[in-house]
Amino acid sequence: MLKKFFLIILLLLLADSLSAQNVLFNSKNRLSFADNLFCEQDYLRAFNEYREYLKFGYNDTVIFKISISLAQMGRFSEAIDYNKTLFGSLRLSEEAKFEFYRNLFLSNRINEFKYFYETDSFIPSEKEVYLKRMLLTSDLLSMKKYNLNLDELLKAFPRSIADTLTNFYKRLSFPNQKDPMLAGIYSALIPGLGKVYTEEYGDGITAFLLTGILTYLAVDNFNADHKYRGWLFTGLAAYFYAGNIYGSVSSAHKFNADLRLSLDSDMKIFFNKNNYFIPKPRFICD
């Protein structure tokens, strides 16, 4: 009799537990939990919860939030696949298409971006300016100066950043580069001058002094009839003279590479900080 009593109690507790779980994991509560995770920027867990919610039925808003979650995690290819499924949505087709372009841009799939942009039969007019910004930004960041027109660039972005964009454009179109051949000629004429030309002043002065001292020691030893030491210092002077020419050419190449890297870094920091001047995805929590 006692065993039957405990068995009944156990079954009642189990039934109560299952009922509580059903309430906890019903569609409404799961969606609320997923939305909370989404707003807390816990995108991985939100993504998993939204996928579980879809087992209850189709919901285009949830699919849209899944695509945003994936994009926020840098999983752009997966986000793009979800975007495509919403192109036929009555409520979210325009938003989904814009996110599709955004994710192509952020994943650096610019050729695909341009192909779809040029062949797309319908692009909402209110999104056109943002798509243009992404195209122009991609040309800036890829250093394609011949694809850029300053007036077109300034027209697409807010007037408040016109000076910054003009500065980027000028640095890209008219870089203050150093000519490697000229640097080598300078150092051939006067040791170290090529280094000074490439703004490595300390190395230039060192090269001038070292080559000058070795040359003086060579001449002085020849004059004193110390031929062995004279040839020794002559060889050393010639070695450092040739090295200073080669070093000046390399220094010019390095200077130019640093210019490009500095411009690239400045532009990426600027555009990233300002979210590429395109609006946040819909449903993103403040």
C-alpha atoms as a PDB file:
ATOM      1  CA  MET A   1       0.000   0.000   0.000  1.00  0.00           C
ATOM      2  CA  LEU A   2       2.857   2.384   0.927  1.00  0.00           C
ATOM      3  CA  LYS A   3       4.637   1.630  -2.355  1.00  0.00           C
ATOM      4  CA  LYS A   4       1.522   2.517  -4.338  1.00  0.00           C
ATOM      5  CA  PHE A   5       1.213   5.782  -2.403  1.00  0.00           C
ATOM      6  CA  PHE A   6       4.789   6.818  -3.202  1.00  0.00           C
ATOM      7  CA  LEU A   7       4.319   5.813  -6.839  1.00  0.00           C
ATOM      8  CA  ILE A   8       1.215   8.022  -7.137  1.00  0.00           C
ATOM      9  CA  ILE A   9       3.082  10.928  -5.533  1.00  0.00           C
ATOM     10  CA  LEU A  10       6.003  10.428  -7.933  1.00  0.00           C
ATOM     11  CA  LEU A  11       3.692  10.387 -10.969  1.00  0.00           C
ATOM     12  CA  LEU A  12       1.954  13.557  -9.793  1.00  0.00           C
ATOM     13  CA  LEU A  13       5.295  15.336  -9.320  1.00  0.00           C
ATOM     14  CA  LEU A  14       6.457  14.194 -12.748  1.00  0.00           C
ATOM     15  CA  ALA A  15       3.226  15.374 -14.364  1.00  0.00           C
ATOM     16  CA  ASP A  16       3.536  18.721 -12.592  1.00  0.00           C
ATOM     17  CA  SER A  17       7.159  19.066 -13.774  1.00  0.00           C
ATOM     18  CA  LEU A  18       6.220  18.285 -17.366  1.00  0.00           C
ATOM     19  CA  SER A  19       3.396  20.781 -17.209  1.00  0.00           C
ATOM     20  CA  ALA A  20       5.750  23.461 -15.898  1.00  0.00           C
ATOM     21  CA  GLN A  21       8.213  22.720 -18.695  1.00  0.00           C
ATOM     22  CA  ASN A  22       5.476  22.971 -21.283  1.00  0.00           C
ATOM     23  CA  VAL A  23       4.518  26.373 -19.922  1.00  0.00           C
ATOM     24  CA  LEU A  24       8.157  27.465 -19.772  1.00  0.00           C
ATOM     25  CA  PHE A  25       8.972  26.373 -23.323  1.00  0.00           C
ATOM     26  CA  ASN A  26       5.752  27.263 -25.066  1.00  0.00           C
ATOM     27  CA  SER A  27       6.073  29.384 -28.205  1.00  0.00           C
ATOM     28  CA  LYS A  28       5.265  32.699 -26.546  1.00  0.00           C
ATOM     29  CA  ASN A  29       7.780  32.278 -23.725  1.00  0.00           C
ATOM     30  CA  ARG A  30      10.500  30.982 -26.041  1.00  0.00           C
ATOM     31  CA  LEU A  31      10.053  33.966 -28.357  1.00  0.00           C
ATOM     32  CA  SER A  32      10.139  36.369 -25.417  1.00  0.00           C
ATOM     33  CA  PHE A  33      13.315  34.732 -24.116  1.00  0.00           C
ATOM     34  CA  ALA A  34      14.927  34.863 -27.579  1.00  0.00           C
ATOM     35  CA  ASP A  35      14.037  38.554 -27.962  1.00  0.00           C
ATOM     36  CA  ASN A  36      15.569  39.289 -24.579  1.00  0.00           C
ATOM     37  CA  LEU A  37      18.805  37.544 -25.580  1.00  0.00           C
ATOM     38  CA  PHE A  38      18.766  39.446 -28.872  1.00  0.00           C
ATOM     39  CA  CYS A  39      18.475  42.801 -27.104  1.00  0.00           C
ATOM     40  CA  GLU A  40      21.277  41.825 -24.722  1.00  0.00           C
ATOM     41  CA  GLN A  41      23.417  41.178 -27.830  1.00  0.00           C
ATOM     42  CA  ASP A  42      23.765  37.505 -26.939  1.00  0.00           C
ATOM     43  CA  TYR A  43      23.317  36.702 -30.608  1.00  0.00           C
ATOM     44  CA  LEU A  44      24.457  33.091 -30.562  1.00  0.00           C
ATOM     45  CA  ARG A  45      21.932  32.013 -27.933  1.00  0.00           C
ATOM     46  CA  ALA A  46      19.252  34.203 -29.530  1.00  0.00           C
ATOM     47  CA  PHE A  47      19.925  32.505 -32.874  1.00  0.00           C
ATOM     48  CA  ASN A  48      19.496  29.066 -31.294  1.00  0.00           C
ATOM     49  CA  GLU A  49      16.285  30.086 -29.498  1.00  0.00           C
ATOM     50  CA  TYR A  50      14.800  31.618 -32.642  1.00  0.00           C
ATOM     51  CA  ARG A  51      15.481  28.411 -34.561  1.00  0.00           C
ATOM     52  CA  GLU A  52      13.691  26.423 -31.846  1.00  0.00           C
ATOM     53  CA  TYR A  53      10.783  28.839 -32.031  1.00  0.00           C
ATOM     54  CA  LEU A  54      10.421  28.243 -35.780  1.00  0.00           C
ATOM     55  CA  LYS A  55       9.534  24.637 -35.013  1.00  0.00           C
ATOM     56  CA  PHE A  56       6.164  26.008 -33.856  1.00  0.00           C
ATOM     57  CA  GLY A  57       5.549  27.622 -37.257  1.00  0.00           C
ATOM     58  CA  TYR A  58       6.743  30.121 -39.880  1.00  0.00           C
ATOM     59  CA  ASN A  59       7.448  33.718 -38.805  1.00  0.00           C
ATOM     60  CA  ASP A  60       9.171  36.156 -41.148  1.00  0.00           C
ATOM     61  CA  THR A  61      10.154  38.544 -38.340  1.00  0.00           C
ATOM     62  CA  VAL A  62      11.946  35.733 -36.532  1.00  0.00           C
ATOM     63  CA  ILE A  63      13.753  34.744 -39.729  1.00  0.00           C
ATOM     64  CA  PHE A  64      14.791  38.378 -40.172  1.00  0.00           C
ATOM     65  CA  LYS A  65      16.144  38.494 -36.613  1.00  0.00           C
ATOM     66  CA  ILE A  66      18.029  35.256 -37.259  1.00  0.00           C
ATOM     67  CA  SER A  67      19.739  36.884 -40.238  1.00  0.00           C
ATOM     68  CA  ILE A  68      20.669  39.904 -38.111  1.00  0.00           C
ATOM     69  CA  SER A  69      22.028  37.663 -35.339  1.00  0.00           C
ATOM     70  CA  LEU A  70      24.208  35.817 -37.840  1.00  0.00           C
ATOM     71  CA  ALA A  71      25.478  39.063 -39.358  1.00  0.00           C
ATOM     72  CA  GLN A  72      26.302  40.480 -35.924  1.00  0.00           C
ATOM     73  CA  MET A  73      28.395  37.342 -35.304  1.00  0.00           C
ATOM     74  CA  GLY A  74      30.210  37.829 -38.622  1.00  0.00           C
ATOM     75  CA  ARG A  75      28.544  34.801 -40.228  1.00  0.00           C
ATOM     76  CA  PHE A  76      27.604  36.779 -43.317  1.00  0.00           C
ATOM     77  CA  SER A  77      27.171  33.900 -45.788  1.00  0.00           C
ATOM     78  CA  GLU A  78      24.566  32.260 -43.559  1.00  0.00           C
ATOM     79  CA  ALA A  79      22.863  35.613 -43.005  1.00  0.00           C
ATOM     80  CA  ILE A  80      22.665  36.135 -46.767  1.00  0.00           C
ATOM     81  CA  ASP A  81      20.926  32.777 -47.201  1.00  0.00           C
ATOM     82  CA  TYR A  82      18.272  33.799 -44.653  1.00  0.00           C
ATOM     83  CA  ASN A  83      17.905  37.210 -46.348  1.00  0.00           C
ATOM     84  CA  LYS A  84      17.093  35.525 -49.643  1.00  0.00           C
ATOM     85  CA  THR A  85      14.247  33.543 -48.101  1.00  0.00           C
ATOM     86  CA  LEU A  86      12.487  36.824 -47.260  1.00  0.00           C
ATOM     87  CA  PHE A  87      12.575  38.419 -50.712  1.00  0.00           C
ATOM     88  CA  GLY A  88       8.958  37.326 -51.177  1.00  0.00           C
ATOM     89  CA  SER A  89       7.799  38.561 -47.770  1.00  0.00           C
ATOM     90  CA  LEU A  90       4.993  41.119 -47.896  1.00  0.00           C
ATOM     91  CA  ARG A  91       6.257  42.994 -44.827  1.00  0.00           C
ATOM     92  CA  LEU A  92      10.013  42.565 -44.890  1.00  0.00           C
ATOM     93  CA  SER A  93      11.105  42.082 -48.500  1.00  0.00           C
ATOM     94  CA  GLU A  94      12.658  45.563 -48.807  1.00  0.00           C
ATOM     95  CA  GLU A  95      14.430  45.294 -45.459  1.00  0.00           C
ATOM     96  CA  ALA A  96      15.658  41.801 -46.289  1.00  0.00           C
ATOM     97  CA  LYS A  97      17.003  42.929 -49.647  1.00  0.00           C
ATOM     98  CA  PHE A  98      18.862  45.818 -48.041  1.00  0.00           C
ATOM     99  CA  GLU A  99      20.378  43.488 -45.432  1.00  0.00           C
ATOM    100  CA  PHE A 100      21.344  41.172 -48.284  1.00  0.00           C
ATOM    101  CA  TYR A 101      23.357  44.016 -49.854  1.00  0.00           C
ATOM    102  CA  ARG A 102      24.784  45.077 -46.496  1.00  0.00           C
ATOM    103  CA  ASN A 103      26.019  41.545 -45.789  1.00  0.00           C
ATOM    104  CA  LEU A 104      27.585  41.250 -49.247  1.00  0.00           C
ATOM    105  CA  PHE A 105      29.381  44.540 -48.582  1.00  0.00           C
ATOM    106  CA  LEU A 106      30.545  43.636 -45.075  1.00  0.00           C
ATOM    107  CA  SER A 107      31.826  40.254 -46.265  1.00  0.00           C
ATOM    108  CA  ASN A 108      33.770  42.036 -49.032  1.00  0.00           C
ATOM    109  CA  ARG A 109      31.854  40.260 -51.792  1.00  0.00           C
ATOM    110  CA  ILE A 110      31.872  43.474 -53.795  1.00  0.00           C
ATOM    111  CA  ASN A 111      31.702  41.897 -57.270  1.00  0.00           C
ATOM    112  CA  GLU A 112      28.488  40.095 -56.272  1.00  0.00           C
ATOM    113  CA  PHE A 113      27.197  43.319 -54.720  1.00  0.00           C
ATOM    114  CA  LYS A 114      27.768  45.206 -57.975  1.00  0.00           C
ATOM    115  CA  TYR A 115      26.270  42.448 -60.115  1.00  0.00           C
ATOM    116  CA  PHE A 116      23.010  42.321 -58.151  1.00  0.00           C
ATOM    117  CA  TYR A 117      22.913  46.112 -57.837  1.00  0.00           C
ATOM    118  CA  GLU A 118      23.225  46.577 -61.615  1.00  0.00           C
ATOM    119  CA  THR A 119      20.695  43.850 -62.494  1.00  0.00           C
ATOM    120  CA  ASP A 120      18.165  44.473 -59.721  1.00  0.00           C
ATOM    121  CA  SER A 121      14.860  45.511 -61.272  1.00  0.00           C
ATOM    122  CA  PHE A 122      13.570  47.143 -58.101  1.00  0.00           C
ATOM    123  CA  ILE A 123      15.586  49.006 -55.502  1.00  0.00           C
ATOM    124  CA  PRO A 124      13.521  51.181 -53.118  1.00  0.00           C
ATOM    125  CA  SER A 125      14.381  54.844 -53.646  1.00  0.00           C
ATOM    126  CA  GLU A 126      14.915  55.449 -49.915  1.00  0.00           C
ATOM    127  CA  LYS A 127      17.649  52.769 -49.903  1.00  0.00           C
ATOM    128  CA  GLU A 128      19.423  53.949 -53.038  1.00  0.00           C
ATOM    129  CA  VAL A 129      21.640  56.471 -51.273  1.00  0.00           C
ATOM    130  CA  TYR A 130      22.836  53.880 -48.743  1.00  0.00           C
ATOM    131  CA  LEU A 131      23.679  51.369 -51.470  1.00  0.00           C
ATOM    132  CA  LYS A 132      25.602  54.114 -53.262  1.00  0.00           C
ATOM    133  CA  ARG A 133      27.519  54.824 -50.070  1.00  0.00           C
ATOM    134  CA  MET A 134      28.529  51.186 -49.770  1.00  0.00           C
ATOM    135  CA  LEU A 135      29.731  51.118 -53.385  1.00  0.00           C
ATOM    136  CA  LEU A 136      31.759  54.304 -53.000  1.00  0.00           C
ATOM    137  CA  THR A 137      33.164  53.176 -49.655  1.00  0.00           C
ATOM    138  CA  SER A 138      34.285  49.889 -51.207  1.00  0.00           C
ATOM    139  CA  ASP A 139      36.144  51.814 -53.912  1.00  0.00           C
ATOM    140  CA  LEU A 140      37.808  53.999 -51.297  1.00  0.00           C
ATOM    141  CA  LEU A 141      38.837  51.081 -49.116  1.00  0.00           C
ATOM    142  CA  SER A 142      40.164  49.118 -52.078  1.00  0.00           C
ATOM    143  CA  MET A 143      42.200  52.180 -53.166  1.00  0.00           C
ATOM    144  CA  LYS A 144      40.520  52.292 -56.593  1.00  0.00           C
ATOM    145  CA  LYS A 145      41.139  55.962 -57.236  1.00  0.00           C
ATOM    146  CA  TYR A 146      40.201  55.778 -60.942  1.00  0.00           C
ATOM    147  CA  ASN A 147      36.663  54.633 -60.060  1.00  0.00           C
ATOM    148  CA  LEU A 148      36.079  57.623 -57.824  1.00  0.00           C
ATOM    149  CA  ASN A 149      34.716  61.050 -58.533  1.00  0.00           C
ATOM    150  CA  LEU A 150      35.031  63.550 -55.691  1.00  0.00           C
ATOM    151  CA  ASP A 151      31.738  65.341 -56.442  1.00  0.00           C
ATOM    152  CA  GLU A 152      29.874  62.033 -56.561  1.00  0.00           C
ATOM    153  CA  LEU A 153      31.543  60.946 -53.327  1.00  0.00           C
ATOM    154  CA  LEU A 154      30.599  64.143 -51.482  1.00  0.00           C
ATOM    155  CA  LYS A 155      27.043  64.076 -52.811  1.00  0.00           C
ATOM    156  CA  ALA A 156      26.386  60.616 -51.377  1.00  0.00           C
ATOM    157  CA  PHE A 157      27.442  61.402 -47.807  1.00  0.00           C
ATOM    158  CA  PRO A 158      26.408  63.983 -45.180  1.00  0.00           C
ATOM    159  CA  ARG A 159      27.901  67.461 -45.624  1.00  0.00           C
ATOM    160  CA  SER A 160      29.330  67.311 -42.119  1.00  0.00           C
ATOM    161  CA  ILE A 161      32.044  64.870 -43.251  1.00  0.00           C
ATOM    162  CA  ALA A 162      32.906  66.571 -46.557  1.00  0.00           C
ATOM    163  CA  ASP A 163      36.321  67.730 -45.311  1.00  0.00           C
ATOM    164  CA  THR A 164      37.229  64.245 -44.092  1.00  0.00           C
ATOM    165  CA  LEU A 165      36.196  62.617 -47.363  1.00  0.00           C
ATOM    166  CA  THR A 166      38.063  65.257 -49.376  1.00  0.00           C
ATOM    167  CA  ASN A 167      41.172  64.571 -47.316  1.00  0.00           C
ATOM    168  CA  PHE A 168      40.900  60.822 -47.962  1.00  0.00           C
ATOM    169  CA  TYR A 169      40.349  61.447 -51.669  1.00  0.00           C
ATOM    170  CA  LYS A 170      43.397  63.714 -51.952  1.00  0.00           C
ATOM    171  CA  ARG A 171      45.605  61.301 -50.014  1.00  0.00           C
ATOM    172  CA  LEU A 172      44.482  58.531 -52.348  1.00  0.00           C
ATOM    173  CA  SER A 173      44.705  60.479 -55.619  1.00  0.00           C
ATOM    174  CA  PHE A 174      47.795  62.550 -54.856  1.00  0.00           C
ATOM    175  CA  PRO A 175      49.882  60.539 -52.379  1.00  0.00           C
ATOM    176  CA  ASN A 176      53.075  62.147 -51.117  1.00  0.00           C
ATOM    177  CA  GLN A 177      55.150  59.189 -52.244  1.00  0.00           C
ATOM    178  CA  LYS A 178      58.914  58.987 -52.580  1.00  0.00           C
ATOM    179  CA  ASP A 179      60.599  57.917 -55.811  1.00  0.00           C
ATOM    180  CA  PRO A 180      62.830  54.875 -55.110  1.00  0.00           C
ATOM    181  CA  MET A 181      65.078  55.647 -58.107  1.00  0.00           C
ATOM    182  CA  LEU A 182      65.518  59.227 -56.983  1.00  0.00           C
ATOM    183  CA  ALA A 183      66.355  58.059 -53.456  1.00  0.00           C
ATOM    184  CA  GLY A 184      69.071  55.794 -54.887  1.00  0.00           C
ATOM    185  CA  ILE A 185      70.523  58.603 -57.042  1.00  0.00           C
ATOM    186  CA  TYR A 186      70.612  60.969 -54.069  1.00  0.00           C
ATOM    187  CA  SER A 187      72.530  58.445 -51.970  1.00  0.00           C
ATOM    188  CA  ALA A 188      74.883  57.724 -54.869  1.00  0.00           C
ATOM    189  CA  LEU A 189      75.746  61.425 -55.052  1.00  0.00           C
ATOM    190  CA  ILE A 190      75.950  62.022 -51.310  1.00  0.00           C
ATOM    191  CA  PRO A 191      75.832  59.004 -48.980  1.00  0.00           C
ATOM    192  CA  GLY A 192      72.796  59.189 -46.701  1.00  0.00           C
ATOM    193  CA  LEU A 193      70.975  61.847 -48.725  1.00  0.00           C
ATOM    194  CA  GLY A 194      68.491  59.289 -50.022  1.00  0.00           C
ATOM    195  CA  LYS A 195      67.632  58.344 -46.444  1.00  0.00           C
ATOM    196  CA  VAL A 196      67.083  62.005 -45.603  1.00  0.00           C
ATOM    197  CA  TYR A 197      64.817  62.247 -48.671  1.00  0.00           C
ATOM    198  CA  THR A 198      62.703  59.350 -47.312  1.00  0.00           C
ATOM    199  CA  GLU A 199      62.601  61.106 -43.916  1.00  0.00           C
ATOM    200  CA  GLU A 200      64.862  58.631 -42.119  1.00  0.00           C
ATOM    201  CA  TYR A 201      67.111  61.413 -40.891  1.00  0.00           C
ATOM    202  CA  GLY A 202      69.042  59.471 -38.257  1.00  0.00           C
ATOM    203  CA  ASP A 203      69.972  56.688 -40.691  1.00  0.00           C
ATOM    204  CA  GLY A 204      70.929  59.282 -43.299  1.00  0.00           C
ATOM    205  CA  ILE A 205      73.329  61.096 -40.972  1.00  0.00           C
ATOM    206  CA  THR A 206      74.796  57.782 -39.797  1.00  0.00           C
ATOM    207  CA  ALA A 207      75.350  56.599 -43.394  1.00  0.00           C
ATOM    208  CA  PHE A 208      77.026  59.895 -44.317  1.00  0.00           C
ATOM    209  CA  LEU A 209      79.362  59.876 -41.311  1.00  0.00           C
ATOM    210  CA  LEU A 210      80.252  56.184 -41.521  1.00  0.00           C
ATOM    211  CA  THR A 211      80.968  56.236 -45.249  1.00  0.00           C
ATOM    212  CA  GLY A 212      82.902  59.491 -44.874  1.00  0.00           C
ATOM    213  CA  ILE A 213      85.036  58.182 -41.991  1.00  0.00           C
ATOM    214  CA  LEU A 214      85.861  54.920 -43.797  1.00  0.00           C
ATOM    215  CA  THR A 215      86.762  56.835 -46.974  1.00  0.00           C
ATOM    216  CA  TYR A 216      89.006  59.176 -44.987  1.00  0.00           C
ATOM    217  CA  LEU A 217      90.747  56.233 -43.273  1.00  0.00           C
ATOM    218  CA  ALA A 218      91.323  54.547 -46.649  1.00  0.00           C
ATOM    219  CA  VAL A 219      92.875  57.683 -48.161  1.00  0.00           C
ATOM    220  CA  ASP A 220      94.924  58.384 -45.044  1.00  0.00           C
ATOM    221  CA  ASN A 221      96.359  54.851 -44.980  1.00  0.00           C
ATOM    222  CA  PHE A 222      97.233  54.947 -48.695  1.00  0.00           C
ATOM    223  CA  ASN A 223      98.997  58.274 -48.113  1.00  0.00           C
ATOM    224  CA  ALA A 224     100.924  56.687 -45.218  1.00  0.00           C
ATOM    225  CA  ASP A 225     101.818  53.781 -47.530  1.00  0.00           C
ATOM    226  CA  HIS A 226      99.775  51.304 -45.442  1.00  0.00           C
ATOM    227  CA  LYS A 227      98.341  49.558 -48.503  1.00  0.00           C
ATOM    228  CA  TYR A 228      96.787  46.617 -46.673  1.00  0.00           C
ATOM    229  CA  ARG A 229      94.838  48.837 -44.309  1.00  0.00           C
ATOM    230  CA  GLY A 230      94.120  51.219 -47.171  1.00  0.00           C
ATOM    231  CA  TRP A 231      92.477  48.460 -49.221  1.00  0.00           C
ATOM    232  CA  LEU A 232      90.705  47.150 -46.135  1.00  0.00           C
ATOM    233  CA  PHE A 233      89.079  50.514 -45.434  1.00  0.00           C
ATOM    234  CA  THR A 234      88.408  51.005 -49.156  1.00  0.00           C
ATOM    235  CA  GLY A 235      86.487  47.717 -49.234  1.00  0.00           C
ATOM    236  CA  LEU A 236      84.542  48.649 -46.125  1.00  0.00           C
ATOM    237  CA  ALA A 237      83.761  52.122 -47.524  1.00  0.00           C
ATOM    238  CA  ALA A 238      82.575  50.614 -50.832  1.00  0.00           C
ATOM    239  CA  TYR A 239      80.442  48.070 -48.960  1.00  0.00           C
ATOM    240  CA  PHE A 240      78.711  50.710 -46.854  1.00  0.00           C
ATOM    241  CA  TYR A 241      78.413  53.058 -49.865  1.00  0.00           C
ATOM    242  CA  ALA A 242      76.595  50.381 -51.891  1.00  0.00           C
ATOM    243  CA  GLY A 243      74.535  49.419 -48.849  1.00  0.00           C
ATOM    244  CA  ASN A 244      73.470  53.012 -48.324  1.00  0.00           C
ATOM    245  CA  ILE A 245      72.212  53.196 -51.940  1.00  0.00           C
ATOM    246  CA  TYR A 246      70.289  49.937 -51.628  1.00  0.00           C
ATOM    247  CA  GLY A 247      68.960  50.977 -48.208  1.00  0.00           C
ATOM    248  CA  SER A 248      67.708  54.285 -49.604  1.00  0.00           C
ATOM    249  CA  VAL A 249      65.789  52.530 -52.405  1.00  0.00           C
ATOM    250  CA  SER A 250      64.266  50.121 -49.860  1.00  0.00           C
ATOM    251  CA  SER A 251      63.466  53.028 -47.556  1.00  0.00           C
ATOM    252  CA  ALA A 252      61.467  54.733 -50.342  1.00  0.00           C
ATOM    253  CA  HIS A 253      59.460  51.551 -50.947  1.00  0.00           C
ATOM    254  CA  LYS A 254      58.819  51.235 -47.207  1.00  0.00           C
ATOM    255  CA  PHE A 255      57.774  54.896 -46.973  1.00  0.00           C
ATOM    256  CA  ASN A 256      55.214  54.401 -49.765  1.00  0.00           C
ATOM    257  CA  ALA A 257      53.883  51.189 -48.228  1.00  0.00           C
ATOM    258  CA  ASP A 258      53.489  52.931 -44.860  1.00  0.00           C
ATOM    259  CA  LEU A 259      51.561  55.732 -46.562  1.00  0.00           C
ATOM    260  CA  ARG A 260      49.104  53.245 -48.042  1.00  0.00           C
ATOM    261  CA  LEU A 261      48.731  51.352 -44.768  1.00  0.00           C
ATOM    262  CA  SER A 262      48.177  54.574 -42.837  1.00  0.00           C
ATOM    263  CA  LEU A 263      45.475  55.739 -45.256  1.00  0.00           C
ATOM    264  CA  ASP A 264      43.813  52.318 -45.251  1.00  0.00           C
ATOM    265  CA  SER A 265      43.825  52.217 -41.444  1.00  0.00           C
ATOM    266  CA  ASP A 266      42.475  55.772 -41.087  1.00  0.00           C
ATOM    267  CA  MET A 267      39.612  55.107 -43.515  1.00  0.00           C
ATOM    268  CA  LYS A 268      38.630  51.773 -41.952  1.00  0.00           C
ATOM    269  CA  ILE A 269      38.602  53.252 -38.451  1.00  0.00           C
ATOM    270  CA  PHE A 270      36.549  56.244 -39.617  1.00  0.00           C
ATOM    271  CA  PHE A 271      33.912  54.243 -41.510  1.00  0.00           C
ATOM    272  CA  ASN A 272      33.681  51.491 -38.897  1.00  0.00           C
ATOM    273  CA  LYS A 273      33.195  54.056 -36.151  1.00  0.00           C
ATOM    274  CA  ASN A 274      30.332  55.638 -38.101  1.00  0.00           C
ATOM    275  CA  ASN A 275      28.751  52.334 -39.199  1.00  0.00           C
ATOM    276  CA  TYR A 276      29.522  53.225 -42.843  1.00  0.00           C
ATOM    277  CA  PHE A 277      26.814  55.923 -42.594  1.00  0.00           C
ATOM    278  CA  ILE A 278      24.060  53.397 -43.209  1.00  0.00           C
ATOM    279  CA  PRO A 279      21.128  52.846 -40.818  1.00  0.00           C
ATOM    280  CA  LYS A 280      21.127  50.070 -38.250  1.00  0.00           C
ATOM    281  CA  PRO A 281      19.286  46.883 -39.157  1.00  0.00           C
ATOM    282  CA  ARG A 282      15.622  46.906 -38.231  1.00  0.00           C
ATOM    283  CA  PHE A 283      14.747  45.488 -34.771  1.00  0.00           C
ATOM    284  CA  ILE A 284      18.241  46.168 -33.400  1.00  0.00           C
ATOM    285  CA  CYS A 285      17.758  47.253 -29.787  1.00  0.00           C
ATOM    286  CA  ASP A 286      19.216  50.575 -28.651  1.00  0.00           C
END
